[in-house]
Amino acid sequence: MNPFSMVVCIVLIVMVAKVLTARYRALGQAPASPVDSVDSHRLRDEVQQMKERIQVLERVITDNHKSVDLDREIERLRDR
């Protein structure tokens, strides 16, 4: 094998490897880099905590309205 064909083969192999790596990253099968996977894990945890807090706030808001409505209804029944 002459040096020119060897260089062409190496370039082709590197190009195919880059294309396959980009494809797997796009499909989500390989993390982009270790830093991204750590950051994404941290952000997922933070989003989960925020969702839990929102659920608690929604529960408090809806319970507060129910208690206010219940107080009004009790007062209405007392007035009768």
C-alpha atoms as a PDB file:
ATOM      1  CA  MET A   1       0.000   0.000   0.000  1.00  0.00           C
ATOM      2  CA  ASN A   2       1.475   3.309  -0.980  1.00  0.00           C
ATOM      3  CA  PRO A   3       1.495   6.284   1.440  1.00  0.00           C
ATOM      4  CA  PHE A   4      -1.202   8.201  -0.458  1.00  0.00           C
ATOM      5  CA  SER A   5      -3.794   5.403  -0.228  1.00  0.00           C
ATOM      6  CA  MET A   6      -2.904   4.858   3.435  1.00  0.00           C
ATOM      7  CA  VAL A   7      -3.581   8.544   4.203  1.00  0.00           C
ATOM      8  CA  VAL A   8      -6.874   8.395   2.305  1.00  0.00           C
ATOM      9  CA  CYS A   9      -7.939   5.301   4.283  1.00  0.00           C
ATOM     10  CA  ILE A  10      -7.073   6.950   7.597  1.00  0.00           C
ATOM     11  CA  VAL A  11      -9.019  10.091   6.665  1.00  0.00           C
ATOM     12  CA  LEU A  12     -12.034   8.000   5.636  1.00  0.00           C
ATOM     13  CA  ILE A  13     -11.943   6.009   8.875  1.00  0.00           C
ATOM     14  CA  VAL A  14     -11.776   9.203  10.956  1.00  0.00           C
ATOM     15  CA  MET A  15     -14.650  10.779   9.008  1.00  0.00           C
ATOM     16  CA  VAL A  16     -16.865   7.705   9.413  1.00  0.00           C
ATOM     17  CA  ALA A  17     -16.087   7.600  13.131  1.00  0.00           C
ATOM     18  CA  LYS A  18     -17.015  11.281  13.536  1.00  0.00           C
ATOM     19  CA  VAL A  19     -20.292  10.811  11.649  1.00  0.00           C
ATOM     20  CA  LEU A  20     -21.242   7.763  13.739  1.00  0.00           C
ATOM     21  CA  THR A  21     -20.356   9.554  16.971  1.00  0.00           C
ATOM     22  CA  ALA A  22     -22.497  12.540  16.020  1.00  0.00           C
ATOM     23  CA  ARG A  23     -25.367  10.226  15.073  1.00  0.00           C
ATOM     24  CA  TYR A  24     -25.261   8.374  18.394  1.00  0.00           C
ATOM     25  CA  ARG A  25     -25.132  11.642  20.320  1.00  0.00           C
ATOM     26  CA  ALA A  26     -28.129  12.939  18.367  1.00  0.00           C
ATOM     27  CA  LEU A  27     -30.073   9.795  19.171  1.00  0.00           C
ATOM     28  CA  GLY A  28     -29.240  10.164  22.847  1.00  0.00           C
ATOM     29  CA  GLN A  29     -27.262   6.952  23.128  1.00  0.00           C
ATOM     30  CA  ALA A  30     -24.013   8.612  24.144  1.00  0.00           C
ATOM     31  CA  PRO A  31     -23.573  11.648  26.391  1.00  0.00           C
ATOM     32  CA  ALA A  32     -22.005  14.652  24.705  1.00  0.00           C
ATOM     33  CA  SER A  33     -19.373  14.902  27.415  1.00  0.00           C
ATOM     34  CA  PRO A  34     -19.046  13.948  31.097  1.00  0.00           C
ATOM     35  CA  VAL A  35     -19.569  17.576  32.132  1.00  0.00           C
ATOM     36  CA  ASP A  36     -22.873  17.737  30.242  1.00  0.00           C
ATOM     37  CA  SER A  37     -24.131  14.524  31.807  1.00  0.00           C
ATOM     38  CA  VAL A  38     -23.310  15.770  35.335  1.00  0.00           C
ATOM     39  CA  ASP A  39     -24.966  19.115  34.619  1.00  0.00           C
ATOM     40  CA  SER A  40     -28.000  17.494  33.066  1.00  0.00           C
ATOM     41  CA  HIS A  41     -28.346  15.154  36.053  1.00  0.00           C
ATOM     42  CA  ARG A  42     -28.145  18.109  38.442  1.00  0.00           C
ATOM     43  CA  LEU A  43     -30.715  20.027  36.406  1.00  0.00           C
ATOM     44  CA  ARG A  44     -33.068  17.033  36.328  1.00  0.00           C
ATOM     45  CA  ASP A  45     -32.888  16.820  40.119  1.00  0.00           C
ATOM     46  CA  GLU A  46     -33.560  20.532  40.412  1.00  0.00           C
ATOM     47  CA  VAL A  47     -36.559  20.317  38.069  1.00  0.00           C
ATOM     48  CA  GLN A  48     -37.946  17.393  40.085  1.00  0.00           C
ATOM     49  CA  GLN A  49     -37.624  19.403  43.299  1.00  0.00           C
ATOM     50  CA  MET A  50     -39.361  22.374  41.669  1.00  0.00           C
ATOM     51  CA  LYS A  51     -42.213  20.128  40.497  1.00  0.00           C
ATOM     52  CA  GLU A  52     -42.668  18.815  44.029  1.00  0.00           C
ATOM     53  CA  ARG A  53     -42.744  22.362  45.401  1.00  0.00           C
ATOM     54  CA  ILE A  54     -45.319  23.398  42.799  1.00  0.00           C
ATOM     55  CA  GLN A  55     -47.506  20.426  43.742  1.00  0.00           C
ATOM     56  CA  VAL A  56     -47.374  21.459  47.393  1.00  0.00           C
ATOM     57  CA  LEU A  57     -48.233  25.058  46.521  1.00  0.00           C
ATOM     58  CA  GLU A  58     -51.136  23.944  44.342  1.00  0.00           C
ATOM     59  CA  ARG A  59     -52.413  21.775  47.162  1.00  0.00           C
ATOM     60  CA  VAL A  60     -52.161  24.667  49.626  1.00  0.00           C
ATOM     61  CA  ILE A  61     -53.943  27.033  47.249  1.00  0.00           C
ATOM     62  CA  THR A  62     -56.779  24.625  46.525  1.00  0.00           C
ATOM     63  CA  ASP A  63     -57.137  23.646  50.171  1.00  0.00           C
ATOM     64  CA  ASN A  64     -57.278  27.318  51.146  1.00  0.00           C
ATOM     65  CA  HIS A  65     -60.102  27.982  48.688  1.00  0.00           C
ATOM     66  CA  LYS A  66     -61.993  24.952  49.934  1.00  0.00           C
ATOM     67  CA  SER A  67     -61.660  26.074  53.530  1.00  0.00           C
ATOM     68  CA  VAL A  68     -62.816  29.609  52.666  1.00  0.00           C
ATOM     69  CA  ASP A  69     -65.781  28.214  50.753  1.00  0.00           C
ATOM     70  CA  LEU A  70     -66.532  25.885  53.646  1.00  0.00           C
ATOM     71  CA  ASP A  71     -66.409  28.804  56.101  1.00  0.00           C
ATOM     72  CA  ARG A  72     -68.829  30.789  53.952  1.00  0.00           C
ATOM     73  CA  GLU A  73     -71.185  27.852  53.689  1.00  0.00           C
ATOM     74  CA  ILE A  74     -71.125  27.312  57.446  1.00  0.00           C
ATOM     75  CA  GLU A  75     -71.859  30.992  58.028  1.00  0.00           C
ATOM     76  CA  ARG A  76     -74.729  30.830  55.536  1.00  0.00           C
ATOM     77  CA  LEU A  77     -76.193  27.827  57.353  1.00  0.00           C
ATOM     78  CA  ARG A  78     -75.893  29.600  60.725  1.00  0.00           C
ATOM     79  CA  ASP A  79     -77.770  32.592  59.363  1.00  0.00           C
ATOM     80  CA  ARG A  80     -80.781  30.439  58.477  1.00  0.00           C
END
